[in-house]
Amino acid sequence: MLTQNYQPLEREIASTFSRRFTKFGPKPEASLWFSEERQRARFSVIAEIICDRIQNRKVSICDIGCGYGSFLKFFQNEHAGIDFGYTGYDLADNLIEFCDRKMSSKNVRFMQGSRPLELMDFTIMSGTYNYAPQTTVTDWRTYFRGELEHIFEKTKKCLILNLMIADRPWISKSGIFYEELNDFKAFCEERLGTVTTYDHILLKKEKTFCILR
């Protein structure tokens, strides 16, 4: 369970994305994305990391901060031949209700929450920790790094996430969090596992991280 200090933070995050989904529906804008092209670029990097490590067997994917299920749809469309099970988690109840109604199946399910409840091969977070509303850099780092440690405990193969990167950690006026690359890599190596970073030409201000068991 979260400490009491972080429960209001998660409620604020859930409220923001719930309102945006009500306003925009299942579109990138609902997830604070303003370019479908960049959203797909981010998904393609994550999908490539997964596909490189599948080894021709069925795998399980856990999507923390799944939103309206956009990564699932991308992966199903772009990698239709891959046999996988999927569990999506999100803090916003209306997003989970939408996904459960539209996309649930024998191998696909959705749950409200911020941490996986069971071991999964791959855990992904596409932009999940880029939005840090009404908080400080120190508090946000403590929160999201602590969450990563809990999530990594439920990850069999690798944890994949992307972060906005800058020369120093800071939070913009709109609540977008920027991490400092070397400090985060040092945290991963010390507390989690071996980390590799990935770039994409359309995602100049961010890095995708693959943290291996």
N, C-alpha and C. Protein backbone atom coordinates (compact mmCIF):
# COMPACT_ATOMS: atom_id res chain seq x y z
N MET A 1 0.83 -1.20 0.00
CA MET A 1 0.00 0.00 0.00
C MET A 1 0.87 1.25 0.00
N LEU A 2 0.36 2.33 -0.61
CA LEU A 2 1.07 3.60 -0.55
C LEU A 2 0.96 4.20 0.83
N THR A 3 1.97 5.00 1.20
CA THR A 3 1.83 5.79 2.40
C THR A 3 0.75 6.84 2.14
N GLN A 4 0.20 7.40 3.21
CA GLN A 4 -0.86 8.37 3.08
C GLN A 4 -0.42 9.58 2.25
N ASN A 5 0.86 9.95 2.33
CA ASN A 5 1.35 11.12 1.62
C ASN A 5 1.17 11.01 0.10
N TYR A 6 1.22 9.81 -0.45
CA TYR A 6 1.16 9.66 -1.89
C TYR A 6 -0.24 9.35 -2.40
N GLN A 7 -1.18 9.08 -1.54
CA GLN A 7 -2.53 8.82 -1.98
C GLN A 7 -3.18 10.04 -2.64
N PRO A 8 -3.02 11.26 -2.09
CA PRO A 8 -3.57 12.43 -2.79
C PRO A 8 -2.93 12.65 -4.16
N LEU A 9 -1.65 12.35 -4.28
CA LEU A 9 -0.96 12.48 -5.56
C LEU A 9 -1.56 11.54 -6.60
N GLU A 10 -1.79 10.31 -6.23
CA GLU A 10 -2.38 9.36 -7.18
C GLU A 10 -3.83 9.74 -7.51
N ARG A 11 -4.55 10.29 -6.54
CA ARG A 11 -5.92 10.73 -6.82
C ARG A 11 -5.91 11.87 -7.83
N GLU A 12 -4.96 12.79 -7.70
CA GLU A 12 -4.86 13.90 -8.63
C GLU A 12 -4.52 13.42 -10.03
N ILE A 13 -3.62 12.47 -10.13
CA ILE A 13 -3.27 11.90 -11.44
C ILE A 13 -4.49 11.22 -12.06
N ALA A 14 -5.17 10.42 -11.27
CA ALA A 14 -6.37 9.72 -11.77
C ALA A 14 -7.43 10.71 -12.22
N SER A 15 -7.62 11.76 -11.44
CA SER A 15 -8.64 12.76 -11.77
C SER A 15 -8.31 13.47 -13.07
N THR A 16 -7.05 13.83 -13.26
CA THR A 16 -6.64 14.53 -14.49
C THR A 16 -6.91 13.69 -15.72
N PHE A 17 -6.48 12.43 -15.70
CA PHE A 17 -6.66 11.59 -16.88
C PHE A 17 -8.11 11.16 -17.07
N SER A 18 -8.85 11.06 -15.99
CA SER A 18 -10.27 10.77 -16.10
C SER A 18 -11.01 11.91 -16.79
N ARG A 19 -10.69 13.14 -16.39
CA ARG A 19 -11.32 14.31 -17.02
C ARG A 19 -10.95 14.41 -18.49
N ARG A 20 -9.67 14.18 -18.80
CA ARG A 20 -9.23 14.30 -20.18
C ARG A 20 -9.87 13.21 -21.06
N PHE A 21 -10.06 12.03 -20.50
CA PHE A 21 -10.71 10.98 -21.29
C PHE A 21 -12.17 11.32 -21.53
N THR A 22 -12.82 11.87 -20.53
CA THR A 22 -14.21 12.30 -20.69
C THR A 22 -14.32 13.36 -21.78
N LYS A 23 -13.33 14.25 -21.84
CA LYS A 23 -13.35 15.35 -22.82
C LYS A 23 -12.96 14.89 -24.21
N PHE A 24 -11.89 14.10 -24.34
CA PHE A 24 -11.32 13.77 -25.66
C PHE A 24 -11.68 12.38 -26.17
N GLY A 25 -12.07 11.47 -25.26
CA GLY A 25 -12.32 10.10 -25.68
C GLY A 25 -11.00 9.38 -25.94
N PRO A 26 -11.05 8.22 -26.62
CA PRO A 26 -9.84 7.41 -26.84
C PRO A 26 -8.94 8.00 -27.93
N LYS A 27 -8.31 9.11 -27.61
CA LYS A 27 -7.39 9.80 -28.53
C LYS A 27 -6.12 10.16 -27.77
N PRO A 28 -5.00 10.38 -28.48
CA PRO A 28 -3.74 10.71 -27.79
C PRO A 28 -3.85 11.88 -26.83
N GLU A 29 -4.69 12.86 -27.16
CA GLU A 29 -4.84 14.03 -26.27
C GLU A 29 -5.31 13.64 -24.88
N ALA A 30 -6.05 12.55 -24.78
CA ALA A 30 -6.54 12.11 -23.48
C ALA A 30 -5.40 11.68 -22.57
N SER A 31 -4.28 11.27 -23.16
CA SER A 31 -3.12 10.83 -22.39
C SER A 31 -2.00 11.86 -22.39
N LEU A 32 -2.38 13.13 -22.62
CA LEU A 32 -1.41 14.23 -22.68
C LEU A 32 -0.43 14.07 -23.84
N TRP A 33 -0.90 13.40 -24.90
CA TRP A 33 -0.14 13.30 -26.13
C TRP A 33 -0.80 14.19 -27.16
N PHE A 34 0.01 14.95 -27.89
CA PHE A 34 -0.56 15.85 -28.88
C PHE A 34 -0.09 15.51 -30.29
N SER A 35 0.47 14.31 -30.44
CA SER A 35 0.91 13.84 -31.74
C SER A 35 0.81 12.32 -31.77
N GLU A 36 -0.08 11.80 -32.61
CA GLU A 36 -0.19 10.35 -32.74
C GLU A 36 1.09 9.74 -33.30
N GLU A 37 1.78 10.50 -34.15
CA GLU A 37 3.03 10.01 -34.73
C GLU A 37 4.07 9.75 -33.64
N ARG A 38 4.20 10.67 -32.70
CA ARG A 38 5.16 10.49 -31.61
C ARG A 38 4.71 9.39 -30.65
N GLN A 39 3.42 9.27 -30.44
CA GLN A 39 2.91 8.20 -29.61
C GLN A 39 3.26 6.84 -30.20
N ARG A 40 3.06 6.70 -31.51
CA ARG A 40 3.39 5.45 -32.18
C ARG A 40 4.89 5.20 -32.19
N ALA A 41 5.68 6.25 -32.28
CA ALA A 41 7.14 6.09 -32.23
C ALA A 41 7.56 5.51 -30.88
N ARG A 42 6.96 6.02 -29.83
CA ARG A 42 7.26 5.50 -28.49
C ARG A 42 6.86 4.03 -28.38
N PHE A 43 5.67 3.70 -28.88
CA PHE A 43 5.21 2.31 -28.83
C PHE A 43 6.14 1.40 -29.63
N SER A 44 6.63 1.88 -30.77
CA SER A 44 7.46 1.04 -31.62
C SER A 44 8.77 0.67 -30.93
N VAL A 45 9.33 1.60 -30.16
CA VAL A 45 10.56 1.30 -29.42
C VAL A 45 10.29 0.24 -28.37
N ILE A 46 9.21 0.40 -27.62
CA ILE A 46 8.86 -0.57 -26.59
C ILE A 46 8.60 -1.94 -27.20
N ALA A 47 7.84 -1.97 -28.29
CA ALA A 47 7.51 -3.24 -28.95
C ALA A 47 8.76 -3.93 -29.47
N GLU A 48 9.70 -3.17 -30.00
CA GLU A 48 10.94 -3.76 -30.51
C GLU A 48 11.74 -4.42 -29.40
N ILE A 49 11.79 -3.76 -28.25
CA ILE A 49 12.51 -4.33 -27.10
C ILE A 49 11.88 -5.67 -26.70
N ILE A 50 10.56 -5.71 -26.65
CA ILE A 50 9.87 -6.94 -26.29
C ILE A 50 10.14 -8.03 -27.32
N CYS A 51 9.97 -7.70 -28.60
CA CYS A 51 10.10 -8.70 -29.66
C CYS A 51 11.51 -9.28 -29.73
N ASP A 52 12.49 -8.48 -29.41
CA ASP A 52 13.87 -8.97 -29.41
C ASP A 52 14.14 -10.01 -28.33
N ARG A 53 13.23 -10.11 -27.35
CA ARG A 53 13.48 -10.97 -26.20
C ARG A 53 12.41 -12.05 -26.00
N ILE A 54 11.57 -12.27 -26.98
CA ILE A 54 10.46 -13.21 -26.83
C ILE A 54 10.90 -14.67 -26.92
N GLN A 55 11.79 -14.99 -27.82
CA GLN A 55 12.33 -16.34 -27.96
C GLN A 55 11.24 -17.36 -28.33
N ASN A 56 10.34 -16.95 -29.23
CA ASN A 56 9.35 -17.86 -29.83
C ASN A 56 8.49 -18.62 -28.83
N ARG A 57 8.01 -17.94 -27.83
CA ARG A 57 7.09 -18.57 -26.89
C ARG A 57 6.07 -17.52 -26.42
N LYS A 58 4.99 -18.00 -25.82
CA LYS A 58 4.00 -17.06 -25.30
C LYS A 58 4.59 -16.29 -24.13
N VAL A 59 4.32 -14.99 -24.11
CA VAL A 59 4.83 -14.14 -23.04
C VAL A 59 3.69 -13.35 -22.41
N SER A 60 3.96 -12.81 -21.24
CA SER A 60 2.98 -11.97 -20.55
C SER A 60 3.51 -10.55 -20.49
N ILE A 61 2.61 -9.59 -20.75
CA ILE A 61 2.95 -8.17 -20.75
C ILE A 61 2.06 -7.45 -19.75
N CYS A 62 2.67 -6.70 -18.87
CA CYS A 62 1.96 -5.86 -17.91
C CYS A 62 2.16 -4.41 -18.30
N ASP A 63 1.08 -3.67 -18.47
CA ASP A 63 1.12 -2.27 -18.92
C ASP A 63 0.63 -1.38 -17.78
N ILE A 64 1.57 -0.72 -17.10
CA ILE A 64 1.22 0.18 -15.99
C ILE A 64 0.93 1.57 -16.55
N GLY A 65 -0.27 2.07 -16.28
CA GLY A 65 -0.69 3.33 -16.88
C GLY A 65 -1.16 3.10 -18.31
N CYS A 66 -2.02 2.10 -18.48
CA CYS A 66 -2.43 1.66 -19.82
C CYS A 66 -3.35 2.64 -20.52
N GLY A 67 -3.92 3.60 -19.78
CA GLY A 67 -4.81 4.57 -20.41
C GLY A 67 -6.00 3.90 -21.07
N TYR A 68 -6.29 4.29 -22.31
CA TYR A 68 -7.44 3.74 -23.03
C TYR A 68 -7.05 2.53 -23.89
N GLY A 69 -5.89 1.91 -23.60
CA GLY A 69 -5.51 0.68 -24.26
C GLY A 69 -4.80 0.87 -25.59
N SER A 70 -4.17 2.02 -25.79
CA SER A 70 -3.57 2.32 -27.09
C SER A 70 -2.36 1.46 -27.40
N PHE A 71 -1.53 1.14 -26.40
CA PHE A 71 -0.39 0.27 -26.69
C PHE A 71 -0.87 -1.13 -27.05
N LEU A 72 -1.85 -1.63 -26.36
CA LEU A 72 -2.37 -2.96 -26.68
C LEU A 72 -2.83 -3.03 -28.13
N LYS A 73 -3.59 -2.05 -28.57
CA LYS A 73 -4.09 -2.05 -29.95
C LYS A 73 -2.92 -1.97 -30.94
N PHE A 74 -1.93 -1.14 -30.63
CA PHE A 74 -0.76 -1.03 -31.49
C PHE A 74 -0.04 -2.37 -31.60
N PHE A 75 0.18 -3.02 -30.47
CA PHE A 75 0.94 -4.27 -30.46
C PHE A 75 0.17 -5.37 -31.18
N GLN A 76 -1.13 -5.42 -30.98
CA GLN A 76 -1.95 -6.42 -31.67
C GLN A 76 -1.92 -6.22 -33.17
N ASN A 77 -1.95 -4.97 -33.62
CA ASN A 77 -1.98 -4.68 -35.05
C ASN A 77 -0.61 -4.87 -35.71
N GLU A 78 0.44 -4.45 -35.02
CA GLU A 78 1.77 -4.47 -35.62
C GLU A 78 2.49 -5.80 -35.44
N HIS A 79 2.08 -6.59 -34.47
CA HIS A 79 2.76 -7.85 -34.17
C HIS A 79 1.72 -8.95 -33.95
N ALA A 80 0.88 -9.12 -34.96
CA ALA A 80 -0.26 -10.03 -34.84
C ALA A 80 0.15 -11.49 -34.64
N GLY A 81 1.36 -11.85 -35.06
CA GLY A 81 1.78 -13.25 -34.95
C GLY A 81 2.31 -13.64 -33.59
N ILE A 82 2.42 -12.70 -32.68
CA ILE A 82 2.99 -13.00 -31.36
C ILE A 82 1.90 -13.45 -30.40
N ASP A 83 2.16 -14.54 -29.71
CA ASP A 83 1.22 -15.08 -28.72
C ASP A 83 1.55 -14.47 -27.36
N PHE A 84 0.63 -13.67 -26.83
CA PHE A 84 0.92 -13.00 -25.56
C PHE A 84 -0.34 -12.81 -24.73
N GLY A 85 -0.13 -12.76 -23.43
CA GLY A 85 -1.17 -12.36 -22.51
C GLY A 85 -0.89 -10.96 -22.03
N TYR A 86 -1.94 -10.21 -21.74
CA TYR A 86 -1.78 -8.78 -21.42
C TYR A 86 -2.65 -8.42 -20.23
N THR A 87 -2.06 -7.66 -19.29
CA THR A 87 -2.83 -7.07 -18.19
C THR A 87 -2.51 -5.58 -18.13
N GLY A 88 -3.54 -4.75 -18.26
CA GLY A 88 -3.37 -3.31 -18.18
C GLY A 88 -3.87 -2.77 -16.85
N TYR A 89 -3.08 -1.88 -16.27
CA TYR A 89 -3.44 -1.22 -15.01
C TYR A 89 -3.52 0.29 -15.23
N ASP A 90 -4.49 0.92 -14.60
CA ASP A 90 -4.56 2.37 -14.61
C ASP A 90 -5.25 2.85 -13.34
N LEU A 91 -4.94 4.09 -12.95
CA LEU A 91 -5.54 4.66 -11.74
C LEU A 91 -6.96 5.16 -11.97
N ALA A 92 -7.27 5.53 -13.21
CA ALA A 92 -8.57 6.14 -13.51
C ALA A 92 -9.63 5.08 -13.78
N ASP A 93 -10.69 5.10 -13.01
CA ASP A 93 -11.69 4.04 -13.12
C ASP A 93 -12.43 4.06 -14.44
N ASN A 94 -12.69 5.25 -15.02
CA ASN A 94 -13.43 5.27 -16.27
C ASN A 94 -12.59 4.74 -17.44
N LEU A 95 -11.27 4.87 -17.35
CA LEU A 95 -10.41 4.28 -18.38
C LEU A 95 -10.44 2.76 -18.31
N ILE A 96 -10.35 2.23 -17.11
CA ILE A 96 -10.40 0.78 -16.94
C ILE A 96 -11.76 0.24 -17.37
N GLU A 97 -12.82 0.95 -17.04
CA GLU A 97 -14.17 0.52 -17.44
C GLU A 97 -14.28 0.48 -18.96
N PHE A 98 -13.75 1.50 -19.64
CA PHE A 98 -13.78 1.55 -21.10
C PHE A 98 -13.00 0.38 -21.69
N CYS A 99 -11.77 0.18 -21.23
CA CYS A 99 -10.93 -0.89 -21.76
C CYS A 99 -11.54 -2.27 -21.51
N ASP A 100 -12.08 -2.45 -20.32
CA ASP A 100 -12.67 -3.73 -19.97
C ASP A 100 -13.86 -4.04 -20.88
N ARG A 101 -14.62 -3.03 -21.20
CA ARG A 101 -15.81 -3.21 -22.04
C ARG A 101 -15.44 -3.44 -23.50
N LYS A 102 -14.39 -2.76 -23.98
CA LYS A 102 -14.07 -2.79 -25.40
C LYS A 102 -13.02 -3.84 -25.78
N MET A 103 -12.13 -4.22 -24.85
CA MET A 103 -10.97 -4.99 -25.27
C MET A 103 -10.70 -6.27 -24.48
N SER A 104 -11.39 -6.49 -23.39
CA SER A 104 -11.11 -7.69 -22.59
C SER A 104 -11.41 -8.96 -23.38
N SER A 105 -10.58 -9.98 -23.16
CA SER A 105 -10.76 -11.27 -23.81
C SER A 105 -10.10 -12.33 -22.93
N LYS A 106 -9.98 -13.53 -23.47
CA LYS A 106 -9.37 -14.62 -22.71
C LYS A 106 -7.96 -14.28 -22.26
N ASN A 107 -7.19 -13.59 -23.12
CA ASN A 107 -5.80 -13.27 -22.83
C ASN A 107 -5.56 -11.80 -22.49
N VAL A 108 -6.64 -11.02 -22.37
CA VAL A 108 -6.51 -9.58 -22.11
C VAL A 108 -7.43 -9.19 -20.96
N ARG A 109 -6.87 -8.51 -19.98
CA ARG A 109 -7.70 -8.04 -18.86
C ARG A 109 -7.17 -6.70 -18.36
N PHE A 110 -8.03 -6.00 -17.62
CA PHE A 110 -7.71 -4.68 -17.12
C PHE A 110 -8.08 -4.58 -15.65
N MET A 111 -7.24 -3.85 -14.89
CA MET A 111 -7.45 -3.72 -13.46
C MET A 111 -7.12 -2.29 -13.02
N GLN A 112 -7.85 -1.79 -12.06
CA GLN A 112 -7.56 -0.46 -11.53
C GLN A 112 -6.45 -0.58 -10.48
N GLY A 113 -5.41 0.23 -10.63
CA GLY A 113 -4.30 0.20 -9.69
C GLY A 113 -3.03 0.71 -10.34
N SER A 114 -1.94 0.73 -9.56
CA SER A 114 -0.67 1.25 -10.05
C SER A 114 0.47 0.24 -9.97
N ARG A 115 0.18 -0.96 -9.45
CA ARG A 115 1.21 -1.98 -9.32
C ARG A 115 0.67 -3.33 -9.78
N PRO A 116 1.51 -4.16 -10.42
CA PRO A 116 1.06 -5.50 -10.83
C PRO A 116 0.82 -6.39 -9.63
N LEU A 117 -0.16 -7.26 -9.76
CA LEU A 117 -0.52 -8.16 -8.67
C LEU A 117 0.13 -9.54 -8.83
N GLU A 118 0.73 -9.80 -9.98
CA GLU A 118 1.35 -11.10 -10.22
C GLU A 118 2.58 -10.93 -11.10
N LEU A 119 3.41 -11.96 -11.13
CA LEU A 119 4.62 -11.93 -11.95
C LEU A 119 4.26 -11.91 -13.43
N MET A 120 4.94 -11.05 -14.19
CA MET A 120 4.76 -10.96 -15.64
C MET A 120 6.14 -10.92 -16.29
N ASP A 121 6.23 -11.38 -17.53
CA ASP A 121 7.52 -11.37 -18.22
C ASP A 121 8.04 -9.96 -18.46
N PHE A 122 7.19 -9.13 -19.04
CA PHE A 122 7.57 -7.76 -19.37
C PHE A 122 6.62 -6.79 -18.67
N THR A 123 7.20 -5.75 -18.10
CA THR A 123 6.38 -4.67 -17.56
C THR A 123 6.74 -3.40 -18.29
N ILE A 124 5.74 -2.72 -18.83
CA ILE A 124 5.99 -1.51 -19.61
C ILE A 124 5.27 -0.32 -18.98
N MET A 125 5.86 0.84 -19.16
CA MET A 125 5.29 2.10 -18.70
C MET A 125 5.55 3.15 -19.76
N SER A 126 4.58 3.44 -20.59
CA SER A 126 4.74 4.40 -21.68
C SER A 126 4.27 5.78 -21.22
N GLY A 127 5.21 6.57 -20.75
CA GLY A 127 4.87 7.92 -20.28
C GLY A 127 4.21 7.97 -18.92
N THR A 128 4.14 6.86 -18.25
CA THR A 128 3.42 6.77 -16.98
C THR A 128 3.95 7.74 -15.93
N TYR A 129 5.27 7.91 -15.90
CA TYR A 129 5.86 8.76 -14.86
C TYR A 129 6.35 10.10 -15.41
N ASN A 130 5.77 10.53 -16.51
CA ASN A 130 6.13 11.84 -17.07
C ASN A 130 5.26 12.97 -16.54
N TYR A 131 4.12 12.64 -15.95
CA TYR A 131 3.21 13.67 -15.44
C TYR A 131 3.27 13.68 -13.92
N ALA A 132 3.74 14.81 -13.37
CA ALA A 132 3.97 14.94 -11.92
C ALA A 132 3.25 16.19 -11.41
N PRO A 133 1.95 16.09 -11.16
CA PRO A 133 1.18 17.29 -10.80
C PRO A 133 1.32 17.67 -9.33
N GLN A 134 1.41 18.97 -9.10
CA GLN A 134 1.34 19.54 -7.75
C GLN A 134 2.31 18.87 -6.79
N THR A 135 3.55 18.70 -7.20
CA THR A 135 4.54 18.08 -6.34
C THR A 135 5.92 18.66 -6.65
N THR A 136 6.92 18.23 -5.91
CA THR A 136 8.28 18.69 -6.11
C THR A 136 9.10 17.59 -6.78
N VAL A 137 10.26 17.97 -7.31
CA VAL A 137 11.15 16.99 -7.92
C VAL A 137 11.54 15.93 -6.91
N THR A 138 11.89 16.34 -5.70
CA THR A 138 12.33 15.39 -4.67
C THR A 138 11.22 14.41 -4.33
N ASP A 139 10.01 14.92 -4.11
CA ASP A 139 8.90 14.03 -3.76
C ASP A 139 8.54 13.11 -4.93
N TRP A 140 8.55 13.65 -6.15
CA TRP A 140 8.20 12.83 -7.30
C TRP A 140 9.22 11.72 -7.52
N ARG A 141 10.49 12.07 -7.41
CA ARG A 141 11.52 11.05 -7.56
C ARG A 141 11.36 9.95 -6.50
N THR A 142 11.11 10.35 -5.28
CA THR A 142 10.92 9.36 -4.22
C THR A 142 9.75 8.45 -4.54
N TYR A 143 8.65 9.05 -5.01
CA TYR A 143 7.45 8.28 -5.34
C TYR A 143 7.70 7.33 -6.50
N PHE A 144 8.15 7.87 -7.64
CA PHE A 144 8.17 7.00 -8.82
C PHE A 144 9.31 5.98 -8.77
N ARG A 145 10.41 6.32 -8.14
CA ARG A 145 11.48 5.33 -8.00
C ARG A 145 11.08 4.22 -7.03
N GLY A 146 10.36 4.59 -6.00
CA GLY A 146 9.83 3.57 -5.10
C GLY A 146 8.86 2.65 -5.80
N GLU A 147 8.01 3.22 -6.66
CA GLU A 147 7.08 2.40 -7.44
C GLU A 147 7.83 1.46 -8.36
N LEU A 148 8.89 1.93 -8.99
CA LEU A 148 9.67 1.08 -9.88
C LEU A 148 10.25 -0.12 -9.15
N GLU A 149 10.69 0.08 -7.93
CA GLU A 149 11.24 -1.04 -7.16
C GLU A 149 10.16 -2.09 -6.89
N HIS A 150 8.96 -1.65 -6.53
CA HIS A 150 7.86 -2.59 -6.31
C HIS A 150 7.49 -3.31 -7.60
N ILE A 151 7.42 -2.57 -8.69
CA ILE A 151 7.04 -3.15 -9.98
C ILE A 151 8.09 -4.14 -10.46
N PHE A 152 9.35 -3.82 -10.25
CA PHE A 152 10.42 -4.70 -10.71
C PHE A 152 10.37 -6.05 -10.00
N GLU A 153 9.89 -6.06 -8.76
CA GLU A 153 9.76 -7.32 -8.03
C GLU A 153 8.78 -8.27 -8.73
N LYS A 154 7.86 -7.73 -9.51
CA LYS A 154 6.86 -8.54 -10.22
C LYS A 154 7.21 -8.70 -11.70
N THR A 155 8.45 -8.44 -12.07
CA THR A 155 8.89 -8.51 -13.46
C THR A 155 9.89 -9.64 -13.64
N LYS A 156 9.59 -10.58 -14.54
CA LYS A 156 10.48 -11.73 -14.75
C LYS A 156 11.66 -11.40 -15.66
N LYS A 157 11.41 -10.72 -16.78
CA LYS A 157 12.45 -10.51 -17.78
C LYS A 157 12.98 -9.08 -17.77
N CYS A 158 12.14 -8.13 -18.13
CA CYS A 158 12.63 -6.75 -18.13
C CYS A 158 11.50 -5.76 -17.94
N LEU A 159 11.89 -4.63 -17.39
CA LEU A 159 11.01 -3.49 -17.16
C LEU A 159 11.37 -2.45 -18.20
N ILE A 160 10.36 -1.91 -18.88
CA ILE A 160 10.59 -0.94 -19.96
C ILE A 160 9.80 0.33 -19.67
N LEU A 161 10.48 1.46 -19.66
CA LEU A 161 9.78 2.73 -19.46
C LEU A 161 10.49 3.83 -20.22
N ASN A 162 9.79 4.92 -20.45
CA ASN A 162 10.43 6.08 -21.05
C ASN A 162 10.24 7.30 -20.17
N LEU A 163 11.22 8.19 -20.22
CA LEU A 163 11.21 9.41 -19.43
C LEU A 163 11.68 10.58 -20.27
N MET A 164 11.16 11.74 -19.97
CA MET A 164 11.70 12.97 -20.54
C MET A 164 13.05 13.23 -19.86
N ILE A 165 14.03 13.70 -20.63
CA ILE A 165 15.39 13.85 -20.14
C ILE A 165 15.86 15.30 -20.31
N ALA A 166 16.57 15.79 -19.29
CA ALA A 166 17.15 17.13 -19.35
C ALA A 166 18.48 17.14 -18.60
N ASP A 167 19.17 18.27 -18.64
CA ASP A 167 20.46 18.37 -17.97
C ASP A 167 20.33 18.34 -16.45
N ARG A 168 19.15 18.68 -15.97
CA ARG A 168 18.87 18.63 -14.53
C ARG A 168 17.43 18.20 -14.36
N PRO A 169 17.10 17.59 -13.23
CA PRO A 169 15.71 17.20 -13.01
C PRO A 169 14.84 18.42 -12.72
N TRP A 170 13.69 18.49 -13.35
CA TRP A 170 12.78 19.60 -13.09
C TRP A 170 11.37 19.23 -13.53
N ILE A 171 10.40 20.01 -13.08
CA ILE A 171 8.99 19.81 -13.44
C ILE A 171 8.49 21.10 -14.07
N SER A 172 7.93 21.00 -15.26
CA SER A 172 7.44 22.17 -15.98
C SER A 172 6.16 22.71 -15.33
N LYS A 173 5.75 23.88 -15.78
CA LYS A 173 4.53 24.49 -15.24
C LYS A 173 3.30 23.62 -15.52
N SER A 174 3.35 22.85 -16.59
CA SER A 174 2.22 21.97 -16.91
C SER A 174 2.33 20.61 -16.24
N GLY A 175 3.37 20.43 -15.39
CA GLY A 175 3.48 19.20 -14.62
C GLY A 175 4.28 18.09 -15.28
N ILE A 176 5.01 18.40 -16.33
CA ILE A 176 5.81 17.38 -17.01
C ILE A 176 7.17 17.25 -16.31
N PHE A 177 7.50 16.04 -15.94
CA PHE A 177 8.74 15.75 -15.20
C PHE A 177 9.87 15.40 -16.16
N TYR A 178 11.03 16.02 -15.93
CA TYR A 178 12.24 15.75 -16.68
C TYR A 178 13.28 15.17 -15.73
N GLU A 179 13.84 14.03 -16.09
CA GLU A 179 14.85 13.35 -15.27
C GLU A 179 16.25 13.62 -15.82
N GLU A 180 17.25 13.49 -14.95
CA GLU A 180 18.65 13.60 -15.36
C GLU A 180 19.16 12.20 -15.66
N LEU A 181 19.71 12.00 -16.84
CA LEU A 181 20.00 10.67 -17.36
C LEU A 181 20.94 9.86 -16.48
N ASN A 182 22.09 10.39 -16.16
CA ASN A 182 23.10 9.59 -15.45
C ASN A 182 22.66 9.25 -14.03
N ASP A 183 21.93 10.16 -13.38
CA ASP A 183 21.45 9.87 -12.04
C ASP A 183 20.44 8.73 -12.06
N PHE A 184 19.55 8.75 -13.08
CA PHE A 184 18.55 7.68 -13.15
C PHE A 184 19.19 6.35 -13.50
N LYS A 185 20.16 6.36 -14.41
CA LYS A 185 20.85 5.12 -14.75
C LYS A 185 21.57 4.55 -13.53
N ALA A 186 22.17 5.42 -12.72
CA ALA A 186 22.85 4.95 -11.51
C ALA A 186 21.86 4.32 -10.55
N PHE A 187 20.68 4.93 -10.41
CA PHE A 187 19.63 4.35 -9.57
C PHE A 187 19.24 2.97 -10.07
N CYS A 188 19.04 2.83 -11.37
CA CYS A 188 18.64 1.54 -11.94
C CYS A 188 19.69 0.48 -11.67
N GLU A 189 20.95 0.79 -11.91
CA GLU A 189 22.03 -0.18 -11.73
C GLU A 189 22.17 -0.59 -10.27
N GLU A 190 21.93 0.34 -9.37
CA GLU A 190 22.10 0.05 -7.94
C GLU A 190 20.89 -0.68 -7.35
N ARG A 191 19.68 -0.29 -7.76
CA ARG A 191 18.48 -0.79 -7.09
C ARG A 191 17.69 -1.82 -7.91
N LEU A 192 17.91 -1.84 -9.23
CA LEU A 192 17.09 -2.71 -10.07
C LEU A 192 17.96 -3.72 -10.81
N GLY A 193 18.39 -3.39 -12.02
CA GLY A 193 19.17 -4.34 -12.80
C GLY A 193 19.96 -3.63 -13.88
N THR A 194 20.46 -4.40 -14.82
CA THR A 194 21.25 -3.86 -15.92
C THR A 194 20.37 -3.03 -16.84
N VAL A 195 20.80 -1.81 -17.14
CA VAL A 195 19.97 -0.88 -17.91
C VAL A 195 20.59 -0.56 -19.26
N THR A 196 19.74 -0.55 -20.30
CA THR A 196 20.13 -0.12 -21.63
C THR A 196 19.17 0.98 -22.06
N THR A 197 19.69 1.99 -22.76
CA THR A 197 18.83 3.09 -23.21
C THR A 197 18.65 3.05 -24.72
N TYR A 198 17.50 3.54 -25.17
CA TYR A 198 17.14 3.54 -26.59
C TYR A 198 16.66 4.94 -26.98
N ASP A 199 16.96 5.32 -28.22
CA ASP A 199 16.55 6.62 -28.76
C ASP A 199 15.67 6.42 -29.99
N HIS A 200 14.93 7.47 -30.33
CA HIS A 200 14.15 7.49 -31.57
C HIS A 200 14.25 8.90 -32.14
N ILE A 201 14.36 9.01 -33.44
CA ILE A 201 14.56 10.31 -34.08
C ILE A 201 13.42 11.29 -33.80
N LEU A 202 12.22 10.78 -33.56
CA LEU A 202 11.07 11.65 -33.28
C LEU A 202 10.94 12.01 -31.81
N LEU A 203 11.75 11.38 -30.97
CA LEU A 203 11.62 11.56 -29.51
C LEU A 203 12.93 12.13 -28.96
N LYS A 204 13.23 13.35 -29.37
CA LYS A 204 14.55 13.92 -29.11
C LYS A 204 14.80 14.25 -27.65
N LYS A 205 13.76 14.48 -26.87
CA LYS A 205 13.92 14.88 -25.48
C LYS A 205 13.65 13.75 -24.49
N GLU A 206 13.62 12.52 -24.99
CA GLU A 206 13.34 11.42 -24.08
C GLU A 206 14.19 10.20 -24.39
N LYS A 207 14.23 9.31 -23.42
CA LYS A 207 14.94 8.05 -23.54
C LYS A 207 13.98 6.93 -23.14
N THR A 208 14.16 5.78 -23.79
CA THR A 208 13.46 4.58 -23.36
C THR A 208 14.48 3.68 -22.66
N PHE A 209 14.11 3.15 -21.51
CA PHE A 209 15.00 2.34 -20.68
C PHE A 209 14.51 0.90 -20.65
N CYS A 210 15.43 -0.03 -20.84
CA CYS A 210 15.16 -1.45 -20.65
C CYS A 210 16.01 -1.93 -19.49
N ILE A 211 15.36 -2.36 -18.42
CA ILE A 211 16.06 -2.80 -17.22
C ILE A 211 15.88 -4.30 -17.08
N LEU A 212 16.97 -5.03 -17.22
CA LEU A 212 16.93 -6.48 -17.28
C LEU A 212 17.13 -7.11 -15.91
N ARG A 213 16.51 -8.28 -15.74
CA ARG A 213 16.78 -9.14 -14.59
C ARG A 213 18.18 -9.71 -14.71
